[in-house]
Amino acid sequence: MESIELPIGLTAVGGLKGEGKTAFCLKLANHLAQREKVLFISYQDYKERIKEHLISTDSSINPGLKIRTNFEYFGLDAYIKLMWLLEKKSYSTVFIDNSDFLNKYSTWNCAYSDVDEFIKALELMHHFCRVKVIFTINIGQKAEYSGKNPSLRDFNSSRLIPNKCRQVLAIYRPYFHGLMENEDGPSIYQLEVYSLKNGSNSTTVNTFNWAEFVKL
């Protein structure tokens, strides 16, 4: 995971539902927790199962990683609680998985204004707490997404994502899209992480072994 560099500020991690965003972020969070304090907030699972998953893939959970699954849906109360926690516990990195759960009343397609407010709130949190903020988000539709590589325009739920995030990453597994082979051979264990926005202003791709992220 050394090839993944996170800037101070906001990083969006996108991909289709089920493509591996959570597995990628969990492994990255545990890797970072070797040398810093990391907070991982999950809106889609419970703590015991997350820990079980990490132990099955990484053998152990680093002491710098704190997993929280008891936050309310993202709103003023949860925001104040999170700001207090970041300041009190001196976390340097926070993961929020899954931001699609930020609005429990509206469907995702109707929640654009809430996505904007969510990103503005994260930007303010970074400004005052000086933390790295990584959040996951679903992008695209499988039928439209198959057969092409991820691009920045797939992050179309809010224009603030490409404009406010310091980095935008896309998770892509060819096998998940029905592509059984590519120029490197069978793609069943291939995980590609596209950096679509970064400090170098050029798209880069890191390839990982999917078997290191999930228990097969």
N, C-alpha and C. Protein backbone atom coordinates (compact mmCIF):
# COMPACT_ATOMS: atom_id res chain seq x y z
N MET A 1 0.82 -1.21 0.00
CA MET A 1 0.00 0.00 0.00
C MET A 1 0.85 1.26 0.00
N GLU A 2 2.17 1.10 -0.01
CA GLU A 2 3.05 2.26 0.02
C GLU A 2 2.88 3.16 -1.20
N SER A 3 2.37 2.59 -2.29
CA SER A 3 2.21 3.36 -3.53
C SER A 3 1.04 4.34 -3.46
N ILE A 4 0.17 4.19 -2.46
CA ILE A 4 -0.98 5.09 -2.30
C ILE A 4 -0.59 6.22 -1.35
N GLU A 5 -0.51 7.42 -1.88
CA GLU A 5 -0.17 8.60 -1.08
C GLU A 5 -1.42 9.45 -0.89
N LEU A 6 -1.72 9.77 0.36
CA LEU A 6 -2.90 10.56 0.67
C LEU A 6 -2.49 11.98 1.05
N PRO A 7 -3.01 12.97 0.35
CA PRO A 7 -2.68 14.36 0.69
C PRO A 7 -3.49 14.83 1.90
N ILE A 8 -3.02 15.88 2.55
CA ILE A 8 -3.82 16.53 3.58
C ILE A 8 -5.02 17.17 2.88
N GLY A 9 -6.20 16.84 3.33
CA GLY A 9 -7.41 17.33 2.68
C GLY A 9 -8.34 16.18 2.38
N LEU A 10 -9.18 16.34 1.37
CA LEU A 10 -10.21 15.36 1.04
C LEU A 10 -9.77 14.42 -0.09
N THR A 11 -10.07 13.14 0.09
CA THR A 11 -9.87 12.14 -0.95
C THR A 11 -11.16 11.36 -1.13
N ALA A 12 -11.67 11.31 -2.34
CA ALA A 12 -12.86 10.53 -2.67
C ALA A 12 -12.42 9.19 -3.26
N VAL A 13 -13.05 8.12 -2.81
CA VAL A 13 -12.78 6.78 -3.34
C VAL A 13 -14.08 6.26 -3.92
N GLY A 14 -14.13 6.12 -5.24
CA GLY A 14 -15.36 5.72 -5.91
C GLY A 14 -15.27 4.37 -6.57
N GLY A 15 -16.42 3.80 -6.85
CA GLY A 15 -16.51 2.52 -7.53
C GLY A 15 -17.94 2.05 -7.50
N LEU A 16 -18.24 1.01 -8.25
CA LEU A 16 -19.57 0.46 -8.22
C LEU A 16 -19.83 -0.24 -6.88
N LYS A 17 -21.09 -0.37 -6.53
CA LYS A 17 -21.45 -1.09 -5.32
C LYS A 17 -20.96 -2.52 -5.42
N GLY A 18 -20.17 -2.94 -4.44
CA GLY A 18 -19.64 -4.29 -4.42
C GLY A 18 -18.31 -4.46 -5.12
N GLU A 19 -17.74 -3.37 -5.60
CA GLU A 19 -16.49 -3.49 -6.38
C GLU A 19 -15.25 -3.60 -5.49
N GLY A 20 -15.35 -3.18 -4.23
CA GLY A 20 -14.20 -3.35 -3.34
C GLY A 20 -13.74 -2.09 -2.63
N LYS A 21 -14.58 -1.06 -2.58
CA LYS A 21 -14.18 0.20 -1.95
C LYS A 21 -13.89 0.00 -0.46
N THR A 22 -14.78 -0.70 0.22
CA THR A 22 -14.61 -0.90 1.67
C THR A 22 -13.38 -1.74 1.95
N ALA A 23 -13.20 -2.84 1.21
CA ALA A 23 -12.05 -3.71 1.42
C ALA A 23 -10.74 -2.94 1.19
N PHE A 24 -10.71 -2.11 0.15
CA PHE A 24 -9.52 -1.32 -0.14
C PHE A 24 -9.24 -0.33 0.99
N CYS A 25 -10.27 0.40 1.42
CA CYS A 25 -10.09 1.43 2.45
C CYS A 25 -9.72 0.82 3.80
N LEU A 26 -10.29 -0.34 4.12
CA LEU A 26 -9.94 -1.01 5.38
C LEU A 26 -8.47 -1.39 5.41
N LYS A 27 -8.00 -1.97 4.32
CA LYS A 27 -6.60 -2.38 4.27
C LYS A 27 -5.68 -1.16 4.32
N LEU A 28 -6.07 -0.10 3.61
CA LEU A 28 -5.27 1.13 3.62
C LEU A 28 -5.26 1.75 5.02
N ALA A 29 -6.41 1.76 5.68
CA ALA A 29 -6.50 2.32 7.03
C ALA A 29 -5.61 1.54 8.00
N ASN A 30 -5.65 0.23 7.91
CA ASN A 30 -4.83 -0.60 8.81
C ASN A 30 -3.34 -0.42 8.51
N HIS A 31 -3.01 -0.22 7.24
CA HIS A 31 -1.62 0.03 6.87
C HIS A 31 -1.14 1.36 7.45
N LEU A 32 -1.94 2.40 7.31
CA LEU A 32 -1.56 3.72 7.84
C LEU A 32 -1.44 3.69 9.36
N ALA A 33 -2.25 2.84 10.01
CA ALA A 33 -2.28 2.79 11.48
C ALA A 33 -1.01 2.20 12.08
N GLN A 34 -0.10 1.75 11.23
CA GLN A 34 1.21 1.31 11.74
C GLN A 34 1.99 2.49 12.29
N ARG A 35 1.72 3.72 11.76
CA ARG A 35 2.55 4.86 12.14
C ARG A 35 1.75 6.11 12.49
N GLU A 36 0.40 6.02 12.50
CA GLU A 36 -0.41 7.18 12.87
C GLU A 36 -1.74 6.71 13.43
N LYS A 37 -2.49 7.64 14.00
CA LYS A 37 -3.80 7.32 14.55
C LYS A 37 -4.86 7.52 13.47
N VAL A 38 -5.62 6.45 13.22
CA VAL A 38 -6.58 6.44 12.13
C VAL A 38 -7.97 6.07 12.68
N LEU A 39 -8.97 6.83 12.26
CA LEU A 39 -10.36 6.56 12.63
C LEU A 39 -11.10 6.06 11.39
N PHE A 40 -11.75 4.90 11.51
CA PHE A 40 -12.52 4.32 10.41
C PHE A 40 -13.98 4.26 10.83
N ILE A 41 -14.82 5.05 10.15
CA ILE A 41 -16.25 5.11 10.45
C ILE A 41 -17.01 4.35 9.37
N SER A 42 -17.78 3.35 9.79
CA SER A 42 -18.56 2.56 8.84
C SER A 42 -20.05 2.82 9.05
N TYR A 43 -20.74 3.07 7.93
CA TYR A 43 -22.19 3.23 7.95
C TYR A 43 -22.90 2.00 7.36
N GLN A 44 -22.16 0.90 7.15
CA GLN A 44 -22.79 -0.22 6.48
C GLN A 44 -22.47 -1.58 7.08
N ASP A 45 -21.79 -1.61 8.22
CA ASP A 45 -21.50 -2.90 8.84
C ASP A 45 -21.31 -2.70 10.34
N TYR A 46 -21.09 -3.80 11.06
CA TYR A 46 -20.86 -3.68 12.50
C TYR A 46 -19.41 -4.04 12.82
N LYS A 47 -18.96 -3.56 13.98
CA LYS A 47 -17.53 -3.58 14.31
C LYS A 47 -16.93 -4.98 14.30
N GLU A 48 -17.63 -5.95 14.88
CA GLU A 48 -17.06 -7.29 15.01
C GLU A 48 -16.77 -7.91 13.64
N ARG A 49 -17.67 -7.70 12.69
CA ARG A 49 -17.45 -8.29 11.36
C ARG A 49 -16.32 -7.57 10.63
N ILE A 50 -16.22 -6.25 10.80
CA ILE A 50 -15.11 -5.52 10.19
C ILE A 50 -13.78 -6.00 10.73
N LYS A 51 -13.72 -6.18 12.05
CA LYS A 51 -12.47 -6.67 12.66
C LYS A 51 -12.15 -8.08 12.18
N GLU A 52 -13.16 -8.93 12.08
CA GLU A 52 -12.95 -10.29 11.60
C GLU A 52 -12.40 -10.29 10.18
N HIS A 53 -12.95 -9.38 9.34
CA HIS A 53 -12.46 -9.27 7.97
C HIS A 53 -10.99 -8.86 7.94
N LEU A 54 -10.62 -7.86 8.74
CA LEU A 54 -9.23 -7.39 8.75
C LEU A 54 -8.28 -8.47 9.23
N ILE A 55 -8.67 -9.19 10.26
CA ILE A 55 -7.79 -10.25 10.78
C ILE A 55 -7.61 -11.35 9.74
N SER A 56 -8.65 -11.61 8.95
CA SER A 56 -8.56 -12.67 7.94
C SER A 56 -7.64 -12.28 6.78
N THR A 57 -7.48 -10.98 6.54
CA THR A 57 -6.65 -10.53 5.42
C THR A 57 -5.29 -10.01 5.86
N ASP A 58 -5.23 -9.35 7.02
CA ASP A 58 -3.98 -8.74 7.48
C ASP A 58 -3.36 -9.45 8.68
N SER A 59 -4.03 -10.44 9.21
CA SER A 59 -3.58 -11.22 10.38
C SER A 59 -3.75 -10.49 11.70
N SER A 60 -3.63 -9.15 11.67
CA SER A 60 -3.78 -8.39 12.91
C SER A 60 -4.29 -6.99 12.61
N ILE A 61 -4.81 -6.35 13.64
CA ILE A 61 -5.28 -4.97 13.54
C ILE A 61 -4.28 -4.09 14.27
N ASN A 62 -3.73 -3.14 13.57
CA ASN A 62 -2.72 -2.27 14.17
C ASN A 62 -3.33 -1.41 15.28
N PRO A 63 -2.58 -1.17 16.35
CA PRO A 63 -3.13 -0.45 17.50
C PRO A 63 -3.55 0.99 17.20
N GLY A 64 -3.03 1.57 16.12
CA GLY A 64 -3.41 2.94 15.79
C GLY A 64 -4.76 3.07 15.12
N LEU A 65 -5.41 1.94 14.81
CA LEU A 65 -6.69 1.98 14.10
C LEU A 65 -7.86 1.86 15.08
N LYS A 66 -8.78 2.81 14.99
CA LYS A 66 -10.02 2.77 15.78
C LYS A 66 -11.19 2.65 14.82
N ILE A 67 -12.03 1.64 15.02
CA ILE A 67 -13.19 1.40 14.17
C ILE A 67 -14.45 1.80 14.93
N ARG A 68 -15.27 2.64 14.30
CA ARG A 68 -16.54 3.07 14.91
C ARG A 68 -17.69 2.77 13.95
N THR A 69 -18.71 2.11 14.46
CA THR A 69 -19.89 1.81 13.65
C THR A 69 -21.17 2.36 14.27
N ASN A 70 -21.02 3.16 15.33
CA ASN A 70 -22.19 3.63 16.09
C ASN A 70 -22.52 5.10 15.86
N PHE A 71 -21.97 5.70 14.77
CA PHE A 71 -22.33 7.08 14.45
C PHE A 71 -23.72 7.12 13.84
N GLU A 72 -24.46 8.17 14.18
CA GLU A 72 -25.76 8.38 13.54
C GLU A 72 -25.54 8.78 12.08
N TYR A 73 -26.62 8.78 11.28
CA TYR A 73 -26.52 9.27 9.91
C TYR A 73 -25.97 10.69 9.92
N PHE A 74 -25.18 11.01 8.92
CA PHE A 74 -24.42 12.24 8.95
C PHE A 74 -25.33 13.47 9.01
N GLY A 75 -25.22 14.19 10.09
CA GLY A 75 -26.00 15.40 10.32
C GLY A 75 -25.27 16.24 11.35
N LEU A 76 -25.91 17.24 11.88
CA LEU A 76 -25.25 18.18 12.79
C LEU A 76 -24.72 17.48 14.03
N ASP A 77 -25.54 16.63 14.65
CA ASP A 77 -25.11 15.94 15.87
C ASP A 77 -23.90 15.06 15.61
N ALA A 78 -23.95 14.27 14.52
CA ALA A 78 -22.83 13.39 14.18
C ALA A 78 -21.59 14.21 13.83
N TYR A 79 -21.79 15.34 13.18
CA TYR A 79 -20.66 16.19 12.77
C TYR A 79 -19.96 16.77 14.00
N ILE A 80 -20.73 17.27 14.94
CA ILE A 80 -20.15 17.83 16.18
C ILE A 80 -19.42 16.74 16.95
N LYS A 81 -20.02 15.57 17.03
CA LYS A 81 -19.40 14.44 17.73
C LYS A 81 -18.08 14.06 17.07
N LEU A 82 -18.06 14.05 15.74
CA LEU A 82 -16.84 13.69 15.01
C LEU A 82 -15.76 14.75 15.19
N MET A 83 -16.12 16.02 15.11
CA MET A 83 -15.14 17.10 15.31
C MET A 83 -14.53 17.00 16.71
N TRP A 84 -15.37 16.75 17.70
CA TRP A 84 -14.89 16.61 19.08
C TRP A 84 -13.93 15.43 19.20
N LEU A 85 -14.29 14.31 18.57
CA LEU A 85 -13.47 13.10 18.64
C LEU A 85 -12.11 13.31 17.97
N LEU A 86 -12.10 13.98 16.82
CA LEU A 86 -10.84 14.22 16.12
C LEU A 86 -9.91 15.10 16.94
N GLU A 87 -10.48 16.10 17.60
CA GLU A 87 -9.66 17.00 18.41
C GLU A 87 -9.18 16.33 19.69
N LYS A 88 -10.04 15.58 20.34
CA LYS A 88 -9.70 14.97 21.62
C LYS A 88 -8.71 13.82 21.47
N LYS A 89 -8.88 13.02 20.43
CA LYS A 89 -8.06 11.81 20.27
C LYS A 89 -6.87 12.01 19.33
N SER A 90 -6.77 13.17 18.70
CA SER A 90 -5.63 13.51 17.84
C SER A 90 -5.45 12.55 16.67
N TYR A 91 -6.56 12.19 16.03
CA TYR A 91 -6.45 11.38 14.81
C TYR A 91 -5.89 12.24 13.69
N SER A 92 -5.08 11.62 12.84
CA SER A 92 -4.53 12.35 11.69
C SER A 92 -5.24 11.99 10.39
N THR A 93 -5.95 10.85 10.38
CA THR A 93 -6.67 10.40 9.19
C THR A 93 -8.02 9.82 9.60
N VAL A 94 -9.06 10.17 8.84
CA VAL A 94 -10.39 9.61 9.10
C VAL A 94 -10.98 9.08 7.80
N PHE A 95 -11.50 7.86 7.85
CA PHE A 95 -12.20 7.23 6.73
C PHE A 95 -13.70 7.23 7.04
N ILE A 96 -14.51 7.60 6.05
CA ILE A 96 -15.96 7.55 6.19
C ILE A 96 -16.52 6.64 5.09
N ASP A 97 -17.04 5.50 5.52
CA ASP A 97 -17.54 4.48 4.59
C ASP A 97 -18.93 4.04 5.07
N ASN A 98 -19.95 4.35 4.41
CA ASN A 98 -20.12 4.68 3.01
C ASN A 98 -20.89 6.00 2.98
N SER A 99 -20.43 6.99 2.25
CA SER A 99 -21.09 8.29 2.25
C SER A 99 -22.46 8.25 1.59
N ASP A 100 -22.79 7.17 0.87
CA ASP A 100 -24.12 7.05 0.29
C ASP A 100 -25.20 6.93 1.36
N PHE A 101 -24.79 6.66 2.59
CA PHE A 101 -25.73 6.55 3.69
C PHE A 101 -25.91 7.88 4.43
N LEU A 102 -25.37 8.97 3.86
CA LEU A 102 -25.44 10.24 4.57
C LEU A 102 -26.86 10.77 4.67
N ASN A 103 -27.74 10.33 3.79
CA ASN A 103 -29.13 10.79 3.83
C ASN A 103 -30.03 9.56 3.88
N LYS A 104 -30.65 9.29 5.04
CA LYS A 104 -31.44 8.07 5.19
C LYS A 104 -32.86 8.22 4.67
N TYR A 105 -33.26 9.44 4.29
CA TYR A 105 -34.64 9.65 3.87
C TYR A 105 -34.81 9.67 2.36
N SER A 106 -33.80 10.14 1.63
CA SER A 106 -33.92 10.28 0.18
C SER A 106 -33.13 9.19 -0.53
N THR A 107 -33.58 8.82 -1.70
CA THR A 107 -32.77 7.93 -2.52
C THR A 107 -31.54 8.69 -2.99
N TRP A 108 -30.51 7.94 -3.36
CA TRP A 108 -29.24 8.59 -3.74
C TRP A 108 -29.43 9.56 -4.90
N ASN A 109 -30.27 9.20 -5.85
CA ASN A 109 -30.45 10.05 -7.03
C ASN A 109 -31.11 11.38 -6.71
N CYS A 110 -31.73 11.48 -5.53
CA CYS A 110 -32.42 12.72 -5.16
C CYS A 110 -31.66 13.52 -4.11
N ALA A 111 -30.43 13.11 -3.82
CA ALA A 111 -29.74 13.68 -2.67
C ALA A 111 -28.58 14.58 -3.05
N TYR A 112 -28.62 15.19 -4.23
CA TYR A 112 -27.48 15.98 -4.70
C TYR A 112 -27.13 17.11 -3.74
N SER A 113 -28.11 17.87 -3.28
CA SER A 113 -27.81 19.00 -2.39
C SER A 113 -27.17 18.51 -1.10
N ASP A 114 -27.58 17.33 -0.63
CA ASP A 114 -27.00 16.79 0.59
C ASP A 114 -25.56 16.35 0.37
N VAL A 115 -25.24 15.86 -0.81
CA VAL A 115 -23.85 15.51 -1.13
C VAL A 115 -22.99 16.76 -1.09
N ASP A 116 -23.47 17.85 -1.65
CA ASP A 116 -22.73 19.11 -1.63
C ASP A 116 -22.47 19.56 -0.20
N GLU A 117 -23.51 19.51 0.64
CA GLU A 117 -23.36 19.94 2.03
C GLU A 117 -22.41 19.03 2.79
N PHE A 118 -22.48 17.74 2.49
CA PHE A 118 -21.59 16.76 3.12
C PHE A 118 -20.13 17.09 2.81
N ILE A 119 -19.82 17.38 1.56
CA ILE A 119 -18.44 17.68 1.17
C ILE A 119 -17.98 19.01 1.76
N LYS A 120 -18.88 19.99 1.80
CA LYS A 120 -18.53 21.26 2.44
C LYS A 120 -18.21 21.05 3.92
N ALA A 121 -18.97 20.18 4.57
CA ALA A 121 -18.74 19.90 5.99
C ALA A 121 -17.39 19.21 6.19
N LEU A 122 -17.04 18.28 5.30
CA LEU A 122 -15.75 17.60 5.39
C LEU A 122 -14.60 18.57 5.15
N GLU A 123 -14.80 19.50 4.23
CA GLU A 123 -13.76 20.49 3.96
C GLU A 123 -13.53 21.37 5.18
N LEU A 124 -14.60 21.75 5.85
CA LEU A 124 -14.48 22.55 7.07
C LEU A 124 -13.79 21.76 8.17
N MET A 125 -14.12 20.47 8.27
CA MET A 125 -13.48 19.61 9.27
C MET A 125 -11.98 19.51 9.03
N HIS A 126 -11.61 19.33 7.77
CA HIS A 126 -10.18 19.30 7.44
C HIS A 126 -9.50 20.62 7.80
N HIS A 127 -10.17 21.73 7.51
CA HIS A 127 -9.58 23.04 7.74
C HIS A 127 -9.27 23.26 9.23
N PHE A 128 -10.19 22.87 10.11
CA PHE A 128 -10.00 23.11 11.53
C PHE A 128 -9.18 22.04 12.22
N CYS A 129 -9.28 20.79 11.76
CA CYS A 129 -8.59 19.69 12.43
C CYS A 129 -7.31 19.27 11.73
N ARG A 130 -7.09 19.75 10.50
CA ARG A 130 -5.90 19.43 9.72
C ARG A 130 -5.72 17.92 9.59
N VAL A 131 -6.77 17.25 9.17
CA VAL A 131 -6.73 15.80 9.00
C VAL A 131 -6.90 15.44 7.53
N LYS A 132 -6.48 14.23 7.22
CA LYS A 132 -6.78 13.64 5.92
C LYS A 132 -8.14 12.97 6.02
N VAL A 133 -9.02 13.29 5.09
CA VAL A 133 -10.39 12.76 5.12
C VAL A 133 -10.61 11.95 3.85
N ILE A 134 -10.92 10.66 4.03
CA ILE A 134 -11.17 9.78 2.89
C ILE A 134 -12.61 9.30 3.00
N PHE A 135 -13.39 9.47 1.94
CA PHE A 135 -14.77 8.99 1.96
C PHE A 135 -15.05 8.19 0.70
N THR A 136 -15.89 7.16 0.83
CA THR A 136 -16.24 6.33 -0.32
C THR A 136 -17.59 6.76 -0.87
N ILE A 137 -17.76 6.50 -2.17
CA ILE A 137 -18.99 6.91 -2.83
C ILE A 137 -19.24 5.98 -4.03
N ASN A 138 -20.50 5.61 -4.23
CA ASN A 138 -20.85 4.79 -5.40
C ASN A 138 -20.88 5.66 -6.65
N ILE A 139 -20.37 5.12 -7.75
CA ILE A 139 -20.37 5.86 -9.01
C ILE A 139 -20.88 4.97 -10.13
N GLY A 140 -21.55 5.57 -11.11
CA GLY A 140 -21.91 4.90 -12.34
C GLY A 140 -22.91 3.77 -12.18
N GLN A 141 -23.22 3.16 -13.28
CA GLN A 141 -24.06 1.97 -13.34
C GLN A 141 -23.27 0.88 -14.04
N LYS A 142 -23.50 -0.36 -13.62
CA LYS A 142 -22.68 -1.45 -14.15
C LYS A 142 -22.81 -1.59 -15.66
N ALA A 143 -24.01 -1.44 -16.18
CA ALA A 143 -24.21 -1.58 -17.62
C ALA A 143 -23.46 -0.51 -18.40
N GLU A 144 -23.42 0.71 -17.86
CA GLU A 144 -22.76 1.82 -18.54
C GLU A 144 -21.25 1.79 -18.31
N TYR A 145 -20.83 1.21 -17.20
CA TYR A 145 -19.44 1.27 -16.76
C TYR A 145 -18.59 0.16 -17.36
N SER A 146 -19.24 -0.93 -17.79
CA SER A 146 -18.49 -2.07 -18.30
C SER A 146 -17.75 -1.72 -19.60
N GLY A 147 -16.57 -2.29 -19.73
CA GLY A 147 -15.83 -2.14 -20.98
C GLY A 147 -15.09 -0.83 -21.12
N LYS A 148 -15.07 -0.01 -20.07
CA LYS A 148 -14.30 1.23 -20.14
C LYS A 148 -13.63 1.48 -18.80
N ASN A 149 -12.56 2.21 -18.83
CA ASN A 149 -11.86 2.53 -17.59
C ASN A 149 -12.57 3.66 -16.86
N PRO A 150 -12.40 3.75 -15.54
CA PRO A 150 -13.03 4.85 -14.79
C PRO A 150 -12.51 6.21 -15.25
N SER A 151 -13.35 7.22 -15.12
CA SER A 151 -12.94 8.59 -15.44
C SER A 151 -13.54 9.54 -14.41
N LEU A 152 -13.03 10.76 -14.40
CA LEU A 152 -13.47 11.74 -13.41
C LEU A 152 -14.95 12.08 -13.57
N ARG A 153 -15.47 12.00 -14.79
CA ARG A 153 -16.88 12.35 -15.00
C ARG A 153 -17.83 11.29 -14.42
N ASP A 154 -17.30 10.13 -14.01
CA ASP A 154 -18.14 9.15 -13.33
C ASP A 154 -18.55 9.64 -11.94
N PHE A 155 -17.82 10.59 -11.40
CA PHE A 155 -18.14 11.15 -10.08
C PHE A 155 -19.11 12.30 -10.28
N ASN A 156 -20.32 11.98 -10.72
CA ASN A 156 -21.26 13.01 -11.16
C ASN A 156 -22.33 13.34 -10.13
N SER A 157 -22.19 12.83 -8.90
CA SER A 157 -23.19 13.14 -7.88
C SER A 157 -23.02 14.54 -7.33
N SER A 158 -21.83 15.12 -7.50
CA SER A 158 -21.59 16.49 -7.04
C SER A 158 -20.36 17.06 -7.75
N ARG A 159 -20.48 18.28 -8.22
CA ARG A 159 -19.33 18.94 -8.84
C ARG A 159 -18.28 19.31 -7.81
N LEU A 160 -18.63 19.24 -6.53
CA LEU A 160 -17.65 19.54 -5.49
C LEU A 160 -16.62 18.43 -5.35
N ILE A 161 -16.94 17.23 -5.81
CA ILE A 161 -15.96 16.14 -5.70
C ILE A 161 -14.70 16.44 -6.49
N PRO A 162 -14.78 16.72 -7.79
CA PRO A 162 -13.55 17.04 -8.52
C PRO A 162 -12.97 18.41 -8.16
N ASN A 163 -13.80 19.33 -7.65
CA ASN A 163 -13.33 20.68 -7.39
C ASN A 163 -12.78 20.90 -5.97
N LYS A 164 -13.29 20.13 -4.99
CA LYS A 164 -12.86 20.32 -3.61
C LYS A 164 -11.91 19.25 -3.11
N CYS A 165 -11.97 18.05 -3.70
CA CYS A 165 -11.10 16.96 -3.25
C CYS A 165 -9.69 17.14 -3.79
N ARG A 166 -8.72 16.93 -2.93
CA ARG A 166 -7.32 17.00 -3.37
C ARG A 166 -6.97 15.80 -4.22
N GLN A 167 -7.66 14.68 -3.98
CA GLN A 167 -7.39 13.46 -4.73
C GLN A 167 -8.70 12.71 -4.95
N VAL A 168 -8.83 12.12 -6.14
CA VAL A 168 -10.00 11.30 -6.48
C VAL A 168 -9.49 9.95 -6.98
N LEU A 169 -9.87 8.89 -6.27
CA LEU A 169 -9.47 7.53 -6.63
C LEU A 169 -10.68 6.73 -7.09
N ALA A 170 -10.48 5.85 -8.06
CA ALA A 170 -11.54 4.96 -8.53
C ALA A 170 -11.06 3.52 -8.42
N ILE A 171 -11.90 2.68 -7.83
CA ILE A 171 -11.60 1.25 -7.71
C ILE A 171 -12.18 0.53 -8.92
N TYR A 172 -11.38 -0.31 -9.55
CA TYR A 172 -11.83 -1.00 -10.76
C TYR A 172 -11.30 -2.42 -10.76
N ARG A 173 -12.22 -3.39 -10.82
CA ARG A 173 -11.84 -4.80 -10.95
C ARG A 173 -12.39 -5.34 -12.27
N PRO A 174 -11.54 -5.60 -13.25
CA PRO A 174 -12.01 -6.07 -14.56
C PRO A 174 -12.93 -7.29 -14.46
N TYR A 175 -12.59 -8.24 -13.58
CA TYR A 175 -13.38 -9.45 -13.45
C TYR A 175 -14.80 -9.15 -12.98
N PHE A 176 -14.94 -8.14 -12.14
CA PHE A 176 -16.25 -7.72 -11.63
C PHE A 176 -17.15 -7.26 -12.77
N HIS A 177 -16.54 -6.78 -13.84
CA HIS A 177 -17.28 -6.28 -15.01
C HIS A 177 -17.38 -7.32 -16.12
N GLY A 178 -17.03 -8.56 -15.81
CA GLY A 178 -17.17 -9.63 -16.79
C GLY A 178 -15.99 -9.79 -17.72
N LEU A 179 -14.89 -9.06 -17.45
CA LEU A 179 -13.69 -9.16 -18.29
C LEU A 179 -12.78 -10.23 -17.68
N MET A 180 -12.80 -11.42 -18.24
CA MET A 180 -12.11 -12.56 -17.65
C MET A 180 -10.60 -12.50 -17.84
N GLU A 181 -10.16 -11.87 -18.93
CA GLU A 181 -8.74 -11.80 -19.21
C GLU A 181 -8.39 -10.44 -19.79
N ASN A 182 -7.13 -10.06 -19.61
CA ASN A 182 -6.60 -8.87 -20.27
C ASN A 182 -5.19 -9.19 -20.76
N GLU A 183 -4.44 -8.15 -21.12
CA GLU A 183 -3.11 -8.41 -21.71
C GLU A 183 -2.16 -9.08 -20.72
N ASP A 184 -2.47 -9.00 -19.42
CA ASP A 184 -1.60 -9.62 -18.41
C ASP A 184 -2.05 -11.02 -18.03
N GLY A 185 -3.14 -11.51 -18.65
CA GLY A 185 -3.63 -12.84 -18.33
C GLY A 185 -4.97 -12.78 -17.61
N PRO A 186 -5.34 -13.85 -16.86
CA PRO A 186 -6.61 -13.87 -16.13
C PRO A 186 -6.72 -12.69 -15.16
N SER A 187 -7.91 -12.10 -15.10
CA SER A 187 -8.07 -10.88 -14.31
C SER A 187 -8.80 -11.10 -12.99
N ILE A 188 -9.02 -12.37 -12.60
CA ILE A 188 -9.83 -12.64 -11.42
C ILE A 188 -9.24 -12.03 -10.15
N TYR A 189 -7.92 -11.94 -10.06
CA TYR A 189 -7.28 -11.41 -8.86
C TYR A 189 -6.75 -9.99 -9.05
N GLN A 190 -7.20 -9.30 -10.08
CA GLN A 190 -6.66 -7.98 -10.38
C GLN A 190 -7.53 -6.87 -9.79
N LEU A 191 -6.91 -5.98 -9.04
CA LEU A 191 -7.57 -4.78 -8.52
C LEU A 191 -6.77 -3.57 -8.99
N GLU A 192 -7.42 -2.67 -9.70
CA GLU A 192 -6.77 -1.46 -10.19
C GLU A 192 -7.30 -0.25 -9.44
N VAL A 193 -6.40 0.61 -9.02
CA VAL A 193 -6.78 1.85 -8.34
C VAL A 193 -6.33 3.01 -9.22
N TYR A 194 -7.30 3.71 -9.80
CA TYR A 194 -7.02 4.84 -10.67
C TYR A 194 -6.99 6.12 -9.84
N SER A 195 -5.90 6.84 -9.95
CA SER A 195 -5.82 8.17 -9.35
C SER A 195 -6.18 9.17 -10.45
N LEU A 196 -7.42 9.65 -10.41
CA LEU A 196 -7.94 10.50 -11.49
C LEU A 196 -7.67 11.97 -11.26
N LYS A 197 -7.45 12.33 -10.02
CA LYS A 197 -7.04 13.69 -9.68
C LYS A 197 -5.99 13.57 -8.59
N ASN A 198 -4.88 14.27 -8.76
CA ASN A 198 -3.78 14.23 -7.80
C ASN A 198 -2.89 15.43 -8.01
N GLY A 199 -1.83 15.50 -7.24
CA GLY A 199 -0.93 16.65 -7.32
C GLY A 199 -0.18 16.77 -8.61
N SER A 200 -0.03 15.66 -9.35
CA SER A 200 0.71 15.70 -10.61
C SER A 200 -0.17 16.02 -11.81
N ASN A 201 -1.50 16.12 -11.58
CA ASN A 201 -2.46 16.43 -12.65
C ASN A 201 -2.37 15.45 -13.81
N SER A 202 -2.11 14.17 -13.49
CA SER A 202 -2.08 13.13 -14.51
C SER A 202 -2.66 11.86 -13.91
N THR A 203 -3.34 11.08 -14.75
CA THR A 203 -3.94 9.83 -14.27
C THR A 203 -2.87 8.77 -14.08
N THR A 204 -2.87 8.15 -12.90
CA THR A 204 -1.95 7.05 -12.63
C THR A 204 -2.77 5.84 -12.19
N VAL A 205 -2.21 4.65 -12.39
CA VAL A 205 -2.90 3.41 -12.04
C VAL A 205 -1.97 2.52 -11.22
N ASN A 206 -2.45 2.07 -10.06
CA ASN A 206 -1.74 1.10 -9.25
C ASN A 206 -2.51 -0.21 -9.29
N THR A 207 -1.81 -1.32 -9.50
CA THR A 207 -2.44 -2.63 -9.59
C THR A 207 -2.07 -3.46 -8.37
N PHE A 208 -3.10 -4.08 -7.77
CA PHE A 208 -2.91 -4.90 -6.58
C PHE A 208 -3.50 -6.29 -6.81
N ASN A 209 -3.14 -7.21 -5.91
CA ASN A 209 -3.70 -8.55 -5.92
C ASN A 209 -4.96 -8.56 -5.06
N TRP A 210 -6.10 -8.79 -5.69
CA TRP A 210 -7.38 -8.75 -4.98
C TRP A 210 -7.43 -9.77 -3.83
N ALA A 211 -6.69 -10.86 -3.95
CA ALA A 211 -6.68 -11.89 -2.92
C ALA A 211 -6.12 -11.37 -1.60
N GLU A 212 -5.37 -10.26 -1.63
CA GLU A 212 -4.83 -9.67 -0.40
C GLU A 212 -5.86 -8.80 0.32
N PHE A 213 -7.00 -8.55 -0.32
CA PHE A 213 -8.01 -7.65 0.26
C PHE A 213 -9.22 -8.39 0.79
N VAL A 214 -9.45 -9.60 0.33
CA VAL A 214 -10.61 -10.37 0.75
C VAL A 214 -10.19 -11.80 1.05
N LYS A 215 -10.97 -12.47 1.89
CA LYS A 215 -10.75 -13.87 2.16
C LYS A 215 -11.47 -14.68 1.11
N LEU A 216 -10.71 -15.36 0.25
CA LEU A 216 -11.30 -16.09 -0.87
C LEU A 216 -11.57 -17.54 -0.50
